[in-house]
Every structure is written in C-alpha cells, then in structure tokens.
Amino acid sequence: MKTMPAKKIFSLLVVSAFLCSFMPQPFYQADFSGTWKLNEAKSERGQFGGRGMATKLVVDQKPDAITLSKTAPSMQGGEATTSETLMFSGKESEITVFGAAKKKSTLKWSADGNTMMVNYSIAFERDGQSNEFKGVETWSLSADGKSLVVQTNLTTPQGDVSTKAVYDK
C-alpha cells in the first residue's frame, strides 16, 4: 500500500478549504416578531397626514416567511386590520385591501440582514379610472430591539408621499 506524500495531502486540504469558502454561510435576519405600538411623538406622518398609518403591528416571523398584521384607522371610522404573509424567497404575495383593491408585495433583505424592504403596488378603480400606488417600506430595528422604524416612500396619482413610523414594543 502506498501512502500519499505530504505535499498532496496539503494540496487537497487547501483545495477543500477554498471550495468550502463558496458554500452558503448562515444568513442573519433581524427578528421583527412581536406586538408594536405607534409612537406618535417620534413618527413623521408626511404631507398627507399619514392616512392609513398603522397604529399597531403584530409581526410573526418564521424561518421562511413573515406575517404582518397592521391595524389602522379605517375610512369608515373605527379600525381595520389587514394581514399578509411575505416569503423570504421573494415570491410575490397578493391580498385585498380597501374593499376591492389588490395589493401585491415582495420582500427583500439587505445584505447584512438588519433591514427588510417590502416593495408593493396597490391597484384600484376610482370613478371609472384605474389607479395604482407603488411603495417601498424599509423596516429596521433599534440596537436594543425595542423600537422599530418603518420608512415608507409611496408614489400616488396625487404625488409622492414619505412617512416614518416609529413603533415601541
């Protein structure tokens, strides 16, 4: 039986280490789970007064998806809650909002996993006209995990809207 020279063994170890460096690394994702209440004093409602800004968020995060339940003032008075599940794979989700409007959303994580971006569009009919809102929500946690900031940039037929909602756990 022949033994492998040390040079060959070393070469195999170097090649193995090099190949392993290309294997997917565990991906960190901030955990947004919990019940969050709007902090009115720290939030910026934007030029249209933040109509529809959620006053309460309930977030259930799993390894492959996140479910966002948002409670906001409704146009008819009182409150309305919408819920959507977004897949971390980037697969599009669709829910019905505001009666018959269709909201389509996708989720993408930042490279460091500290921030998630939700891209969405809402298509609806009004006065016989088709309209669409397009928006991006950027979610980020404070270092201690007790505050959540949702920065929203929305394009509407009436103009662009930016809001910053700050929530406390």
Protein backbone atom coordinates (compact mmCIF):
# COMPACT_ATOMS: atom_id res chain seq x y z
CA MET A 1 0.00 0.00 0.00
CA LYS A 2 1.31 3.41 -0.97
CA THR A 3 1.00 6.45 1.25
CA MET A 4 0.15 9.85 -0.03
CA PRO A 5 3.00 12.31 0.11
CA ALA A 6 2.53 15.22 2.50
CA LYS A 7 2.53 17.67 -0.43
CA LYS A 8 -0.55 16.02 -1.96
CA ILE A 9 -2.38 15.93 1.37
CA PHE A 10 -1.64 19.63 1.90
CA SER A 11 -2.87 20.43 -1.63
CA LEU A 12 -6.13 18.54 -1.02
CA LEU A 13 -6.69 20.41 2.25
CA VAL A 14 -6.10 23.80 0.57
CA VAL A 15 -8.47 22.96 -2.31
CA SER A 16 -11.12 21.70 0.15
CA ALA A 17 -10.88 24.87 2.25
CA PHE A 18 -11.13 27.01 -0.89
CA LEU A 19 -14.24 25.18 -2.11
CA CYS A 20 -15.89 25.39 1.33
CA SER A 21 -15.44 29.16 1.32
CA PHE A 22 -18.03 29.33 -1.51
CA MET A 23 -20.68 27.38 0.41
CA PRO A 24 -23.60 29.50 1.60
CA GLN A 25 -22.99 30.97 5.03
CA PRO A 26 -25.74 31.12 7.62
CA PHE A 27 -27.73 34.29 6.87
CA TYR A 28 -28.56 36.61 9.74
CA GLN A 29 -32.01 38.20 9.67
CA ALA A 30 -33.24 40.74 12.17
CA ASP A 31 -36.22 39.38 14.10
CA PHE A 32 -39.18 41.78 13.90
CA SER A 33 -41.53 39.45 15.85
CA GLY A 34 -43.78 40.95 18.46
CA THR A 35 -46.55 43.46 19.06
CA TRP A 36 -45.63 47.04 18.22
CA LYS A 37 -47.50 50.26 19.11
CA LEU A 38 -47.10 53.51 17.14
CA ASN A 39 -45.10 56.18 18.95
CA GLU A 40 -46.91 59.30 17.69
CA ALA A 41 -44.32 61.72 19.08
CA LYS A 42 -41.40 60.16 17.20
CA SER A 43 -43.26 59.44 13.94
CA GLU A 44 -43.39 61.67 10.87
CA ARG A 45 -46.78 61.48 9.14
CA GLY A 46 -45.74 63.18 5.90
CA GLN A 47 -47.55 65.66 3.68
CA PHE A 48 -50.90 63.81 3.67
CA GLY A 49 -51.09 63.32 7.45
CA GLY A 50 -50.15 59.65 7.40
CA ARG A 51 -53.62 58.43 6.47
CA GLY A 52 -53.62 54.69 6.78
CA MET A 53 -50.51 54.61 9.01
CA ALA A 54 -50.79 51.55 11.23
CA THR A 55 -51.24 52.28 14.93
CA LYS A 56 -50.45 48.69 15.86
CA LEU A 57 -48.36 45.96 14.24
CA VAL A 58 -48.35 42.28 15.13
CA VAL A 59 -45.42 40.50 13.50
CA ASP A 60 -44.93 36.73 13.39
CA GLN A 61 -41.57 35.81 11.88
CA LYS A 62 -40.73 32.23 10.91
CA PRO A 63 -37.57 30.89 9.19
CA ASP A 64 -39.05 31.20 5.68
CA ALA A 65 -41.73 33.93 5.96
CA ILE A 66 -43.06 36.82 7.98
CA THR A 67 -46.71 37.63 8.69
CA LEU A 68 -47.53 41.31 9.15
CA SER A 69 -50.86 42.26 10.74
CA LYS A 70 -51.48 46.01 10.62
CA THR A 71 -54.26 47.82 12.47
CA ALA A 72 -55.03 51.33 11.21
CA PRO A 73 -57.91 53.81 11.27
CA SER A 74 -60.45 52.87 8.59
CA MET A 75 -62.06 55.30 6.16
CA GLN A 76 -65.49 54.43 7.61
CA GLY A 77 -64.42 55.16 11.18
CA GLY A 78 -63.11 52.69 13.71
CA GLU A 79 -60.17 50.45 12.88
CA ALA A 80 -59.36 47.90 10.22
CA THR A 81 -56.76 45.15 10.33
CA THR A 82 -55.02 43.71 7.29
CA SER A 83 -52.71 40.74 7.34
CA GLU A 84 -50.25 39.49 4.76
CA THR A 85 -47.59 36.82 4.70
CA LEU A 86 -44.40 37.61 2.81
CA MET A 87 -42.00 34.88 1.74
CA PHE A 88 -38.26 35.35 2.27
CA SER A 89 -37.74 33.69 -1.13
CA GLY A 90 -39.03 36.88 -2.78
CA LYS A 91 -42.19 35.21 -4.07
CA GLU A 92 -45.00 37.73 -4.64
CA SER A 93 -47.97 37.78 -2.27
CA GLU A 94 -51.38 39.27 -3.02
CA ILE A 95 -54.10 40.46 -0.65
CA THR A 96 -57.27 42.55 -0.97
CA VAL A 97 -57.28 45.94 0.79
CA PHE A 98 -59.67 48.91 0.97
CA GLY A 99 -62.64 46.85 -0.23
CA ALA A 100 -61.62 45.54 -3.65
CA ALA A 101 -58.10 46.92 -4.25
CA LYS A 102 -55.36 44.36 -4.91
CA LYS A 103 -52.07 44.75 -3.09
CA LYS A 104 -49.07 42.81 -4.44
CA SER A 105 -45.91 42.67 -2.33
CA THR A 106 -42.42 41.19 -2.33
CA LEU A 107 -39.80 41.18 0.41
CA LYS A 108 -36.04 41.57 0.13
CA TRP A 109 -33.38 41.60 2.87
CA SER A 110 -30.42 43.97 2.99
CA ALA A 111 -27.02 42.30 2.53
CA ASP A 112 -26.33 42.43 6.29
CA GLY A 113 -29.82 41.15 7.25
CA ASN A 114 -30.53 44.14 9.51
CA THR A 115 -33.15 45.69 7.24
CA MET A 116 -36.00 44.33 5.15
CA MET A 117 -37.61 46.12 2.22
CA VAL A 118 -41.20 45.46 1.23
CA ASN A 119 -41.96 46.57 -2.34
CA TYR A 120 -45.64 46.78 -3.13
CA SER A 121 -48.25 48.08 -5.53
CA ILE A 122 -51.94 48.68 -4.92
CA ALA A 123 -54.23 48.67 -7.96
CA PHE A 124 -57.76 50.04 -7.65
CA GLU A 125 -60.65 51.60 -9.56
CA ARG A 126 -61.97 55.07 -8.71
CA ASP A 127 -64.56 56.99 -10.69
CA GLY A 128 -64.17 54.54 -13.58
CA GLN A 129 -60.41 55.11 -13.71
CA SER A 130 -57.69 52.56 -12.96
CA ASN A 131 -55.15 53.81 -10.45
CA GLU A 132 -52.04 52.41 -8.84
CA PHE A 133 -49.94 53.25 -5.81
CA LYS A 134 -46.35 51.97 -5.70
CA GLY A 135 -44.39 51.93 -2.49
CA VAL A 136 -41.40 50.70 -0.56
CA GLU A 137 -41.40 50.10 3.18
CA THR A 138 -37.96 49.84 4.80
CA TRP A 139 -38.06 48.11 8.19
CA SER A 140 -35.23 48.42 10.73
CA LEU A 141 -34.81 47.74 14.45
CA SER A 142 -33.02 49.79 17.08
CA ALA A 143 -29.85 48.23 18.55
CA ASP A 144 -31.75 47.11 21.69
CA GLY A 145 -34.64 45.67 19.63
CA LYS A 146 -37.24 47.76 21.48
CA SER A 147 -38.00 50.22 18.67
CA LEU A 148 -38.97 49.58 15.08
CA VAL A 149 -38.80 52.16 12.28
CA VAL A 150 -40.83 51.72 9.10
CA GLN A 151 -39.84 54.28 6.46
CA THR A 152 -42.41 54.38 3.64
CA ASN A 153 -41.93 56.01 0.25
CA LEU A 154 -45.10 55.93 -1.84
CA THR A 155 -45.89 57.16 -5.33
CA THR A 156 -49.58 58.03 -5.87
CA PRO A 157 -51.60 59.77 -8.60
CA GLN A 158 -51.68 62.80 -6.23
CA GLY A 159 -47.89 62.85 -5.75
CA ASP A 160 -45.13 61.24 -3.74
CA VAL A 161 -45.52 60.61 -0.01
CA SER A 162 -42.87 59.82 2.59
CA THR A 163 -43.62 58.78 6.16
CA LYS A 164 -41.59 57.47 9.05
CA ALA A 165 -43.49 55.39 11.60
CA VAL A 166 -41.72 54.60 14.88
CA TYR A 167 -43.10 51.74 16.96
CA ASP A 168 -42.34 50.62 20.51
CA LYS A 169 -42.53 47.03 21.72
